[in-house]
């Protein structure tokens, strides 16, 4: 399969998975935070395929959460999903510079949690009236995101290894 055709196929599959995973019953939904098991896996895999594939999976995730999370929470959840572009760009950049995979996971987890914590802190007043509640919600979201990122990284690792062995994804990590 030609490289562009392979990228298009992977973009389609990973984007579809991004949307489908948002419908999973394996989720925790709070007024300002959701944890959907596996939600980051398509984006994490897409990082190893290419930038435009990654952007497509993030858009798919945003669309999926918009369709599955009731308003006004959907505003916060979709905004959080959109911040995945930050950790994805960082991951792609570090991957190109041959950073160790564990360093990539740690740095992207920190960026991911900070971005989502800030979004929750800024947007929580839409749902809750208190600035203290917004700060607490932002902290919970940041902490929860670190845990969620770690879990989804653990799910991604064996899939990435299998895709690499099948020569679907080129080995660009150490």
C-alpha atoms as a PDB file:
ATOM      1  CA  UNK A   1       0.000   0.000   0.000  1.00  0.00           C
ATOM      2  CA  UNK A   2       1.332   3.439  -0.889  1.00  0.00           C
ATOM      3  CA  UNK A   3       2.291   5.724   1.981  1.00  0.00           C
ATOM      4  CA  UNK A   4      -0.453   8.319   1.344  1.00  0.00           C
ATOM      5  CA  UNK A   5      -3.076   5.591   0.972  1.00  0.00           C
ATOM      6  CA  UNK A   6      -1.894   3.996   4.212  1.00  0.00           C
ATOM      7  CA  UNK A   7      -2.050   7.364   6.010  1.00  0.00           C
ATOM      8  CA  UNK A   8      -5.563   7.994   4.699  1.00  0.00           C
ATOM      9  CA  UNK A   9      -6.706   4.544   5.830  1.00  0.00           C
ATOM     10  CA  UNK A  10      -5.137   5.000   9.265  1.00  0.00           C
ATOM     11  CA  UNK A  11      -6.617   8.502   9.572  1.00  0.00           C
ATOM     12  CA  UNK A  12     -10.061   7.106   8.776  1.00  0.00           C
ATOM     13  CA  UNK A  13      -9.764   4.225  11.234  1.00  0.00           C
ATOM     14  CA  UNK A  14      -8.307   6.301  14.074  1.00  0.00           C
ATOM     15  CA  UNK A  15     -10.807   9.132  13.555  1.00  0.00           C
ATOM     16  CA  UNK A  16     -13.696   6.656  13.576  1.00  0.00           C
ATOM     17  CA  UNK A  17     -12.306   5.128  16.777  1.00  0.00           C
ATOM     18  CA  UNK A  18     -12.016   8.605  18.312  1.00  0.00           C
ATOM     19  CA  UNK A  19     -15.719   9.165  17.722  1.00  0.00           C
ATOM     20  CA  UNK A  20     -16.800   5.654  18.759  1.00  0.00           C
ATOM     21  CA  UNK A  21     -14.830   5.633  22.020  1.00  0.00           C
ATOM     22  CA  UNK A  22     -16.790   8.670  23.213  1.00  0.00           C
ATOM     23  CA  UNK A  23     -19.900   6.457  23.208  1.00  0.00           C
ATOM     24  CA  UNK A  24     -18.246   3.959  25.573  1.00  0.00           C
ATOM     25  CA  UNK A  25     -20.028   3.196  28.843  1.00  0.00           C
ATOM     26  CA  UNK A  26     -16.586   2.963  30.487  1.00  0.00           C
ATOM     27  CA  UNK A  27     -16.535   6.585  31.598  1.00  0.00           C
ATOM     28  CA  UNK A  28     -16.708   8.767  34.661  1.00  0.00           C
ATOM     29  CA  UNK A  29     -18.688  11.975  34.112  1.00  0.00           C
ATOM     30  CA  UNK A  30     -18.520  14.868  36.588  1.00  0.00           C
ATOM     31  CA  UNK A  31     -19.896  18.362  35.935  1.00  0.00           C
ATOM     32  CA  UNK A  32     -16.453  19.584  34.871  1.00  0.00           C
ATOM     33  CA  UNK A  33     -14.480  16.445  34.093  1.00  0.00           C
ATOM     34  CA  UNK A  34     -14.898  13.183  32.223  1.00  0.00           C
ATOM     35  CA  UNK A  35     -12.658  10.183  32.083  1.00  0.00           C
ATOM     36  CA  UNK A  36     -13.431   7.912  29.136  1.00  0.00           C
ATOM     37  CA  UNK A  37     -11.201   4.850  29.135  1.00  0.00           C
ATOM     38  CA  UNK A  38      -9.177   4.695  25.917  1.00  0.00           C
ATOM     39  CA  UNK A  39     -10.202   8.143  24.650  1.00  0.00           C
ATOM     40  CA  UNK A  40      -6.581   9.206  24.072  1.00  0.00           C
ATOM     41  CA  UNK A  41      -5.456   5.971  22.427  1.00  0.00           C
ATOM     42  CA  UNK A  42      -6.318   6.943  18.801  1.00  0.00           C
ATOM     43  CA  UNK A  43      -4.546  10.300  19.211  1.00  0.00           C
ATOM     44  CA  UNK A  44      -1.524   8.680  20.840  1.00  0.00           C
ATOM     45  CA  UNK A  45      -1.306   6.169  17.986  1.00  0.00           C
ATOM     46  CA  UNK A  46      -1.810   8.912  15.389  1.00  0.00           C
ATOM     47  CA  UNK A  47       1.249  10.736  16.731  1.00  0.00           C
ATOM     48  CA  UNK A  48       3.310   7.853  15.305  1.00  0.00           C
ATOM     49  CA  UNK A  49       1.615   8.114  11.896  1.00  0.00           C
ATOM     50  CA  UNK A  50       1.799  11.834  11.185  1.00  0.00           C
ATOM     51  CA  UNK A  51       0.579  15.328  12.023  1.00  0.00           C
ATOM     52  CA  UNK A  52      -2.508  15.497   9.796  1.00  0.00           C
ATOM     53  CA  UNK A  53      -3.659  12.059  10.969  1.00  0.00           C
ATOM     54  CA  UNK A  54      -3.288  13.306  14.543  1.00  0.00           C
ATOM     55  CA  UNK A  55      -5.329  16.434  13.824  1.00  0.00           C
ATOM     56  CA  UNK A  56      -8.090  14.309  12.278  1.00  0.00           C
ATOM     57  CA  UNK A  57      -8.287  12.057  15.345  1.00  0.00           C
ATOM     58  CA  UNK A  58      -8.494  15.074  17.640  1.00  0.00           C
ATOM     59  CA  UNK A  59     -11.311  16.531  15.530  1.00  0.00           C
ATOM     60  CA  UNK A  60     -13.058  13.144  15.697  1.00  0.00           C
ATOM     61  CA  UNK A  61     -12.743  13.116  19.470  1.00  0.00           C
ATOM     62  CA  UNK A  62     -14.166  16.653  19.721  1.00  0.00           C
ATOM     63  CA  UNK A  63     -17.128  15.715  17.506  1.00  0.00           C
ATOM     64  CA  UNK A  64     -17.749  12.539  19.496  1.00  0.00           C
ATOM     65  CA  UNK A  65     -17.760  14.320  22.846  1.00  0.00           C
ATOM     66  CA  UNK A  66     -19.980  17.075  21.451  1.00  0.00           C
ATOM     67  CA  UNK A  67     -22.500  14.397  20.433  1.00  0.00           C
ATOM     68  CA  UNK A  68     -22.345  12.357  23.651  1.00  0.00           C
ATOM     69  CA  UNK A  69     -21.951  14.808  26.544  1.00  0.00           C
ATOM     70  CA  UNK A  70     -25.001  16.935  27.379  1.00  0.00           C
ATOM     71  CA  UNK A  71     -24.708  20.732  27.493  1.00  0.00           C
ATOM     72  CA  UNK A  72     -23.366  22.752  29.269  1.00  0.00           C
ATOM     73  CA  UNK A  73     -20.733  20.128  30.179  1.00  0.00           C
ATOM     74  CA  UNK A  74     -20.091  19.454  26.494  1.00  0.00           C
ATOM     75  CA  UNK A  75     -18.495  22.897  26.135  1.00  0.00           C
ATOM     76  CA  UNK A  76     -15.839  22.057  28.709  1.00  0.00           C
ATOM     77  CA  UNK A  77     -15.299  18.490  27.495  1.00  0.00           C
ATOM     78  CA  UNK A  78     -14.965  19.501  23.828  1.00  0.00           C
ATOM     79  CA  UNK A  79     -12.579  22.330  24.771  1.00  0.00           C
ATOM     80  CA  UNK A  80     -10.518  19.849  26.796  1.00  0.00           C
ATOM     81  CA  UNK A  81     -10.439  17.449  23.832  1.00  0.00           C
ATOM     82  CA  UNK A  82      -9.313  20.290  21.561  1.00  0.00           C
ATOM     83  CA  UNK A  83      -6.304  20.930  23.828  1.00  0.00           C
ATOM     84  CA  UNK A  84      -4.985  17.501  22.833  1.00  0.00           C
ATOM     85  CA  UNK A  85      -3.380  19.284  19.899  1.00  0.00           C
ATOM     86  CA  UNK A  86      -0.883  20.728  22.413  1.00  0.00           C
ATOM     87  CA  UNK A  87       0.390  17.403  23.721  1.00  0.00           C
ATOM     88  CA  UNK A  88       0.163  15.867  20.238  1.00  0.00           C
ATOM     89  CA  UNK A  89       2.352  18.533  18.626  1.00  0.00           C
ATOM     90  CA  UNK A  90       4.850  18.173  21.459  1.00  0.00           C
ATOM     91  CA  UNK A  91       4.810  14.388  21.047  1.00  0.00           C
ATOM     92  CA  UNK A  92       5.336  14.591  17.287  1.00  0.00           C
ATOM     93  CA  UNK A  93       8.176  17.080  17.741  1.00  0.00           C
ATOM     94  CA  UNK A  94       9.929  14.953  20.370  1.00  0.00           C
ATOM     95  CA  UNK A  95       9.428  11.830  18.265  1.00  0.00           C
ATOM     96  CA  UNK A  96      11.146  13.523  15.307  1.00  0.00           C
ATOM     97  CA  UNK A  97      14.069  14.377  17.604  1.00  0.00           C
ATOM     98  CA  UNK A  98      14.309  10.723  18.722  1.00  0.00           C
ATOM     99  CA  UNK A  99      13.412  11.314  22.364  1.00  0.00           C
ATOM    100  CA  UNK A 100      12.974   8.223  24.504  1.00  0.00           C
ATOM    101  CA  UNK A 101       9.334   7.060  24.510  1.00  0.00           C
ATOM    102  CA  UNK A 102       9.103   7.357  28.309  1.00  0.00           C
ATOM    103  CA  UNK A 103      10.310  10.966  28.200  1.00  0.00           C
ATOM    104  CA  UNK A 104       7.669  11.668  25.540  1.00  0.00           C
ATOM    105  CA  UNK A 105       4.954  10.107  27.709  1.00  0.00           C
ATOM    106  CA  UNK A 106       5.981  12.099  30.797  1.00  0.00           C
ATOM    107  CA  UNK A 107       6.330  15.457  29.039  1.00  0.00           C
ATOM    108  CA  UNK A 108       3.103  15.035  27.066  1.00  0.00           C
ATOM    109  CA  UNK A 109       1.279  13.987  30.257  1.00  0.00           C
ATOM    110  CA  UNK A 110       2.388  17.183  31.989  1.00  0.00           C
ATOM    111  CA  UNK A 111       1.410  19.382  29.020  1.00  0.00           C
ATOM    112  CA  UNK A 112      -1.871  17.489  28.668  1.00  0.00           C
ATOM    113  CA  UNK A 113      -2.809  17.917  32.327  1.00  0.00           C
ATOM    114  CA  UNK A 114      -1.854  21.597  32.422  1.00  0.00           C
ATOM    115  CA  UNK A 115      -3.850  22.384  29.282  1.00  0.00           C
ATOM    116  CA  UNK A 116      -6.947  20.539  30.479  1.00  0.00           C
ATOM    117  CA  UNK A 117      -6.661  21.976  34.003  1.00  0.00           C
ATOM    118  CA  UNK A 118      -6.489  25.515  32.607  1.00  0.00           C
ATOM    119  CA  UNK A 119      -9.492  24.926  30.325  1.00  0.00           C
ATOM    120  CA  UNK A 120     -11.538  23.566  33.224  1.00  0.00           C
ATOM    121  CA  UNK A 121     -10.488  26.457  35.470  1.00  0.00           C
ATOM    122  CA  UNK A 122     -11.463  29.027  32.837  1.00  0.00           C
ATOM    123  CA  UNK A 123     -14.739  27.399  31.734  1.00  0.00           C
ATOM    124  CA  UNK A 124     -16.065  25.972  35.035  1.00  0.00           C
ATOM    125  CA  UNK A 125     -17.834  29.247  35.959  1.00  0.00           C
ATOM    126  CA  UNK A 126     -20.278  28.370  33.147  1.00  0.00           C
ATOM    127  CA  UNK A 127     -21.500  25.517  35.375  1.00  0.00           C
ATOM    128  CA  UNK A 128     -20.462  26.512  38.906  1.00  0.00           C
ATOM    129  CA  UNK A 129     -20.654  29.986  40.434  1.00  0.00           C
ATOM    130  CA  UNK A 130     -17.617  29.938  42.688  1.00  0.00           C
ATOM    131  CA  UNK A 131     -14.041  30.880  41.806  1.00  0.00           C
ATOM    132  CA  UNK A 132     -12.873  28.472  44.515  1.00  0.00           C
ATOM    133  CA  UNK A 133     -14.887  25.702  42.886  1.00  0.00           C
ATOM    134  CA  UNK A 134     -13.314  26.574  39.521  1.00  0.00           C
ATOM    135  CA  UNK A 135      -9.827  26.320  41.022  1.00  0.00           C
ATOM    136  CA  UNK A 136     -10.656  22.994  42.687  1.00  0.00           C
ATOM    137  CA  UNK A 137     -12.217  21.695  39.461  1.00  0.00           C
ATOM    138  CA  UNK A 138      -9.120  22.720  37.491  1.00  0.00           C
ATOM    139  CA  UNK A 139      -6.895  20.909  39.989  1.00  0.00           C
ATOM    140  CA  UNK A 140      -9.035  17.774  39.896  1.00  0.00           C
ATOM    141  CA  UNK A 141      -9.057  17.855  36.090  1.00  0.00           C
ATOM    142  CA  UNK A 142      -5.267  18.263  35.932  1.00  0.00           C
ATOM    143  CA  UNK A 143      -4.669  15.421  38.399  1.00  0.00           C
ATOM    144  CA  UNK A 144      -7.257  13.194  36.749  1.00  0.00           C
ATOM    145  CA  UNK A 145      -5.744  13.883  33.346  1.00  0.00           C
ATOM    146  CA  UNK A 146      -2.288  12.725  34.484  1.00  0.00           C
ATOM    147  CA  UNK A 147      -3.829   9.437  35.650  1.00  0.00           C
ATOM    148  CA  UNK A 148      -5.950   9.120  32.495  1.00  0.00           C
ATOM    149  CA  UNK A 149      -2.929   9.846  30.263  1.00  0.00           C
ATOM    150  CA  UNK A 150      -0.921   7.147  32.066  1.00  0.00           C
ATOM    151  CA  UNK A 151      -3.705   4.559  31.707  1.00  0.00           C
ATOM    152  CA  UNK A 152      -4.231   5.343  28.022  1.00  0.00           C
ATOM    153  CA  UNK A 153      -0.451   5.254  27.434  1.00  0.00           C
ATOM    154  CA  UNK A 154      -0.394   1.753  28.936  1.00  0.00           C
ATOM    155  CA  UNK A 155      -3.233   0.741  26.589  1.00  0.00           C
ATOM    156  CA  UNK A 156      -1.484   2.351  23.600  1.00  0.00           C
ATOM    157  CA  UNK A 157       1.917   0.687  24.140  1.00  0.00           C
ATOM    158  CA  UNK A 158       1.039  -2.921  23.192  1.00  0.00           C
ATOM    159  CA  UNK A 159      -1.086  -1.729  20.260  1.00  0.00           C
ATOM    160  CA  UNK A 160       1.810   0.409  19.019  1.00  0.00           C
ATOM    161  CA  UNK A 161       4.204  -2.521  19.355  1.00  0.00           C
ATOM    162  CA  UNK A 162       1.824  -4.742  17.354  1.00  0.00           C
ATOM    163  CA  UNK A 163       1.351  -2.077  14.655  1.00  0.00           C
ATOM    164  CA  UNK A 164       5.126  -1.653  14.441  1.00  0.00           C
ATOM    165  CA  UNK A 165       5.713  -5.409  14.110  1.00  0.00           C
ATOM    166  CA  UNK A 166       3.039  -5.541  11.393  1.00  0.00           C
ATOM    167  CA  UNK A 167       4.895  -2.673   9.643  1.00  0.00           C
ATOM    168  CA  UNK A 168       1.775  -0.522   9.719  1.00  0.00           C
ATOM    169  CA  UNK A 169       3.617   2.110  11.753  1.00  0.00           C
ATOM    170  CA  UNK A 170       7.327   2.795  11.289  1.00  0.00           C
ATOM    171  CA  UNK A 171       9.467   2.385  14.377  1.00  0.00           C
ATOM    172  CA  UNK A 172      10.385   5.936  15.320  1.00  0.00           C
ATOM    173  CA  UNK A 173      10.709   5.495  19.046  1.00  0.00           C
ATOM    174  CA  UNK A 174      13.261   4.072  21.470  1.00  0.00           C
END
